[in-house]
């Protein structure tokens, strides 16, 4: 409890942000490298899809994900009923919402960092016998770490404050899918301004702490 406010939204938010940032680090970094290093059919479409959450209304995007990932969604309906995942109104849905919302903020700085690495460094590593995977870990990742760290800061902050997508996929169920941001909204609607103020200050403090920690890590 936080001055009489339930602590469950805080724990849930920590879990959602942690999972979403893990996905950003793996999938977001891979997408950034792919868009920066490879030319392939459909690259422009993939780039547009990654950027879409920046310009698309979150509620509309959340509704689209609801149509795709629901039990009778356009993607899940092809699976046998026993194999259809429970995504909507679950914590999994919240993680997907946070990941999608923060994806462009993760990919774009990392993509620019990968694209800015001089090709001669990778060519020299290849001439020395390093395979592509070794070049990626020894050249690309160390030199692009600042862009990756910046992307994590932005994506984590976006996940921390996510509302629209979370509302559509998570449903704002008290004690189950009510994140910190949704809890603030609910307390304001209920007239419980004391809890809303407490949680708002807490959210701002967490965001500031994450920014400075990750910024320092990225500067190593």
Protein backbone atom coordinates (compact mmCIF):
# COMPACT_ATOMS: atom_id res chain seq x y z
CA UNK A 1 0.00 0.00 0.00
CA UNK A 2 1.19 3.53 -0.84
CA UNK A 3 -0.43 5.99 1.58
CA UNK A 4 -3.66 4.02 1.33
CA UNK A 5 -3.29 3.36 -2.42
CA UNK A 6 -3.12 -0.25 -3.68
CA UNK A 7 0.38 -1.38 -4.62
CA UNK A 8 -0.69 -3.98 -7.18
CA UNK A 9 -0.59 -1.55 -10.15
CA UNK A 10 3.02 -0.68 -9.29
CA UNK A 11 4.14 -4.33 -9.25
CA UNK A 12 2.22 -5.05 -12.43
CA UNK A 13 3.76 -2.04 -14.17
CA UNK A 14 7.28 -3.13 -13.17
CA UNK A 15 6.65 -6.56 -14.66
CA UNK A 16 5.15 -5.22 -17.89
CA UNK A 17 7.95 -2.69 -18.41
CA UNK A 18 10.62 -5.31 -17.68
CA UNK A 19 9.18 -7.79 -20.18
CA UNK A 20 8.60 -5.15 -22.84
CA UNK A 21 12.15 -3.81 -22.50
CA UNK A 22 13.54 -7.32 -22.77
CA UNK A 23 11.61 -7.74 -26.01
CA UNK A 24 12.80 -4.35 -27.20
CA UNK A 25 16.41 -5.26 -26.50
CA UNK A 26 16.18 -8.48 -28.51
CA UNK A 27 13.56 -7.89 -31.22
CA UNK A 28 13.92 -4.12 -31.43
CA UNK A 29 17.69 -4.31 -31.81
CA UNK A 30 17.35 -7.04 -34.44
CA UNK A 31 14.83 -4.97 -36.41
CA UNK A 32 17.04 -1.89 -36.18
CA UNK A 33 20.05 -3.82 -37.48
CA UNK A 34 17.98 -5.37 -40.28
CA UNK A 35 16.62 -2.02 -41.44
CA UNK A 36 20.06 -0.39 -41.26
CA UNK A 37 22.09 -3.17 -42.88
CA UNK A 38 19.92 -5.05 -45.36
CA UNK A 39 18.07 -4.16 -48.54
CA UNK A 40 15.19 -6.50 -49.29
CA UNK A 41 11.73 -6.56 -50.80
CA UNK A 42 9.21 -5.14 -48.37
CA UNK A 43 11.79 -3.16 -46.40
CA UNK A 44 9.84 0.07 -46.86
CA UNK A 45 6.64 -1.61 -45.66
CA UNK A 46 8.39 -3.03 -42.59
CA UNK A 47 9.87 0.38 -41.80
CA UNK A 48 6.41 1.95 -42.11
CA UNK A 49 4.85 -0.66 -39.82
CA UNK A 50 7.55 -0.09 -37.20
CA UNK A 51 7.00 3.68 -37.36
CA UNK A 52 3.19 3.43 -37.35
CA UNK A 53 2.68 3.69 -33.56
CA UNK A 54 4.29 7.15 -33.63
CA UNK A 55 1.56 8.65 -35.80
CA UNK A 56 -1.44 6.34 -35.41
CA UNK A 57 -4.01 7.05 -32.66
CA UNK A 58 -3.31 4.58 -29.82
CA UNK A 59 -6.98 3.63 -29.39
CA UNK A 60 -7.35 2.85 -33.10
CA UNK A 61 -4.09 0.89 -33.10
CA UNK A 62 -5.23 -0.97 -29.99
CA UNK A 63 -8.50 -1.83 -31.67
CA UNK A 64 -6.57 -3.18 -34.65
CA UNK A 65 -4.49 -5.38 -32.34
CA UNK A 66 -7.72 -6.51 -30.67
CA UNK A 67 -9.08 -7.61 -34.06
CA UNK A 68 -5.82 -9.45 -34.79
CA UNK A 69 -5.15 -11.13 -31.45
CA UNK A 70 -8.56 -11.80 -29.91
CA UNK A 71 -9.88 -15.35 -29.52
CA UNK A 72 -11.64 -14.93 -32.86
CA UNK A 73 -9.02 -12.58 -34.26
CA UNK A 74 -7.77 -12.52 -37.82
CA UNK A 75 -4.53 -14.21 -36.76
CA UNK A 76 -5.66 -16.51 -33.96
CA UNK A 77 -8.75 -17.87 -35.73
CA UNK A 78 -6.51 -20.04 -37.90
CA UNK A 79 -5.38 -22.00 -34.86
CA UNK A 80 -7.37 -24.88 -33.34
CA UNK A 81 -9.48 -23.59 -30.41
CA UNK A 82 -7.35 -25.35 -27.74
CA UNK A 83 -4.21 -23.66 -29.11
CA UNK A 84 -5.57 -20.14 -29.31
CA UNK A 85 -3.62 -17.99 -26.83
CA UNK A 86 -5.33 -15.89 -24.19
CA UNK A 87 -4.00 -12.41 -24.96
CA UNK A 88 -6.84 -9.93 -24.59
CA UNK A 89 -7.55 -8.78 -21.00
CA UNK A 90 -4.40 -10.47 -19.70
CA UNK A 91 -0.96 -9.34 -18.63
CA UNK A 92 0.37 -10.76 -21.89
CA UNK A 93 -1.81 -8.23 -23.69
CA UNK A 94 -0.32 -5.45 -21.59
CA UNK A 95 3.21 -6.54 -22.51
CA UNK A 96 2.32 -6.62 -26.22
CA UNK A 97 0.73 -3.16 -25.92
CA UNK A 98 3.83 -1.74 -24.22
CA UNK A 99 6.13 -3.38 -26.76
CA UNK A 100 4.21 -2.12 -29.79
CA UNK A 101 3.90 1.40 -28.38
CA UNK A 102 7.63 1.67 -27.69
CA UNK A 103 8.91 -0.17 -30.76
CA UNK A 104 9.53 2.86 -33.03
CA UNK A 105 11.23 4.71 -30.17
CA UNK A 106 13.56 1.75 -29.74
CA UNK A 107 14.21 0.99 -33.40
CA UNK A 108 14.84 4.45 -34.82
CA UNK A 109 17.77 5.54 -32.58
CA UNK A 110 19.34 2.08 -32.81
CA UNK A 111 18.83 2.01 -36.58
CA UNK A 112 20.58 5.36 -36.95
CA UNK A 113 23.44 4.12 -34.76
CA UNK A 114 23.91 0.95 -36.82
CA UNK A 115 23.71 2.91 -40.07
CA UNK A 116 26.39 5.32 -38.83
CA UNK A 117 29.06 2.65 -38.33
CA UNK A 118 31.75 3.01 -41.06
CA UNK A 119 31.55 0.03 -43.47
CA UNK A 120 35.36 -0.24 -43.53
CA UNK A 121 35.37 -1.47 -39.94
CA UNK A 122 33.10 -4.40 -40.77
CA UNK A 123 35.08 -5.09 -43.94
CA UNK A 124 38.35 -5.15 -41.98
CA UNK A 125 36.84 -7.57 -39.46
CA UNK A 126 35.65 -9.81 -42.29
CA UNK A 127 39.13 -9.78 -43.86
CA UNK A 128 40.55 -10.89 -40.51
CA UNK A 129 38.32 -13.97 -40.65
CA UNK A 130 35.38 -12.89 -38.50
CA UNK A 131 32.04 -14.36 -39.49
CA UNK A 132 28.94 -12.10 -39.76
CA UNK A 133 27.73 -13.08 -36.28
CA UNK A 134 31.14 -12.24 -34.82
CA UNK A 135 31.20 -8.91 -36.68
CA UNK A 136 27.80 -8.11 -35.22
CA UNK A 137 28.93 -8.71 -31.63
CA UNK A 138 32.45 -7.30 -31.91
CA UNK A 139 31.83 -4.29 -34.17
CA UNK A 140 28.15 -3.40 -34.55
CA UNK A 141 26.92 -3.82 -30.96
CA UNK A 142 29.78 -1.98 -29.18
CA UNK A 143 29.71 0.96 -31.60
CA UNK A 144 25.91 1.22 -31.63
CA UNK A 145 25.46 0.83 -27.87
CA UNK A 146 24.61 4.52 -27.33
CA UNK A 147 21.79 4.35 -29.87
CA UNK A 148 20.51 1.10 -28.39
CA UNK A 149 20.62 2.56 -24.87
CA UNK A 150 18.80 5.71 -26.03
CA UNK A 151 16.16 3.53 -27.65
CA UNK A 152 15.70 1.58 -24.43
CA UNK A 153 15.26 4.80 -22.46
CA UNK A 154 12.59 6.08 -24.83
CA UNK A 155 10.81 2.74 -25.22
CA UNK A 156 10.85 2.12 -21.47
CA UNK A 157 9.41 5.53 -20.78
CA UNK A 158 6.70 4.97 -23.37
CA UNK A 159 5.83 1.60 -21.83
CA UNK A 160 5.72 3.15 -18.37
CA UNK A 161 3.09 5.68 -19.40
CA UNK A 162 1.14 3.61 -21.91
CA UNK A 163 -2.67 4.00 -21.68
CA UNK A 164 -4.49 3.70 -25.01
CA UNK A 165 -3.16 0.36 -26.22
CA UNK A 166 -3.21 -1.06 -22.68
CA UNK A 167 -6.83 -0.07 -22.30
CA UNK A 168 -7.84 -1.94 -25.45
CA UNK A 169 -5.75 -5.09 -24.91
CA UNK A 170 -5.74 -5.20 -21.11
CA UNK A 171 -9.23 -3.96 -20.35
CA UNK A 172 -8.30 -1.95 -17.21
CA UNK A 173 -9.43 -4.71 -14.82
CA UNK A 174 -8.72 -3.72 -11.21
CA UNK A 175 -6.26 -6.04 -9.54
CA UNK A 176 -5.51 -7.84 -12.80
CA UNK A 177 -4.64 -5.52 -15.70
CA UNK A 178 -4.66 -2.11 -14.02
CA UNK A 179 -1.25 -0.54 -14.62
CA UNK A 180 0.08 2.51 -12.81
CA UNK A 181 -1.09 4.91 -15.54
CA UNK A 182 -4.55 3.35 -15.65
CA UNK A 183 -4.73 3.44 -11.84
CA UNK A 184 -4.07 7.18 -11.90
CA UNK A 185 -6.88 7.64 -14.42
CA UNK A 186 -9.24 5.48 -12.33
CA UNK A 187 -8.47 7.41 -9.13
CA UNK A 188 -9.09 10.72 -10.87
CA UNK A 189 -12.42 9.44 -12.19
CA UNK A 190 -13.32 8.24 -8.67
CA UNK A 191 -12.37 11.58 -7.15
CA UNK A 192 -9.54 10.05 -5.12
CA UNK A 193 -7.06 12.81 -5.88
CA UNK A 194 -4.75 11.90 -2.99
CA UNK A 195 -3.95 8.51 -4.56
CA UNK A 196 -3.80 10.05 -8.03
CA UNK A 197 -1.24 12.58 -6.78
CA UNK A 198 0.83 9.94 -4.99
CA UNK A 199 0.91 7.60 -7.97
CA UNK A 200 1.66 10.47 -10.38
CA UNK A 201 4.68 11.54 -8.33
CA UNK A 202 5.80 7.92 -8.11
CA UNK A 203 5.47 7.46 -11.86
CA UNK A 204 7.42 10.64 -12.52
CA UNK A 205 10.15 9.54 -10.11
CA UNK A 206 10.47 6.10 -11.71
CA UNK A 207 10.66 7.64 -15.17
CA UNK A 208 13.38 10.07 -14.08
CA UNK A 209 15.38 7.32 -12.36
CA UNK A 210 15.16 5.01 -15.38
CA UNK A 211 16.27 7.83 -17.67
CA UNK A 212 19.39 8.69 -15.67
CA UNK A 213 20.39 5.07 -14.99
CA UNK A 214 20.04 3.97 -18.61
CA UNK A 215 21.65 7.17 -19.88
CA UNK A 216 24.67 6.55 -17.67
CA UNK A 217 24.80 2.90 -18.79
CA UNK A 218 24.68 4.00 -22.42
CA UNK A 219 27.59 6.38 -21.86
CA UNK A 220 29.95 3.63 -20.64
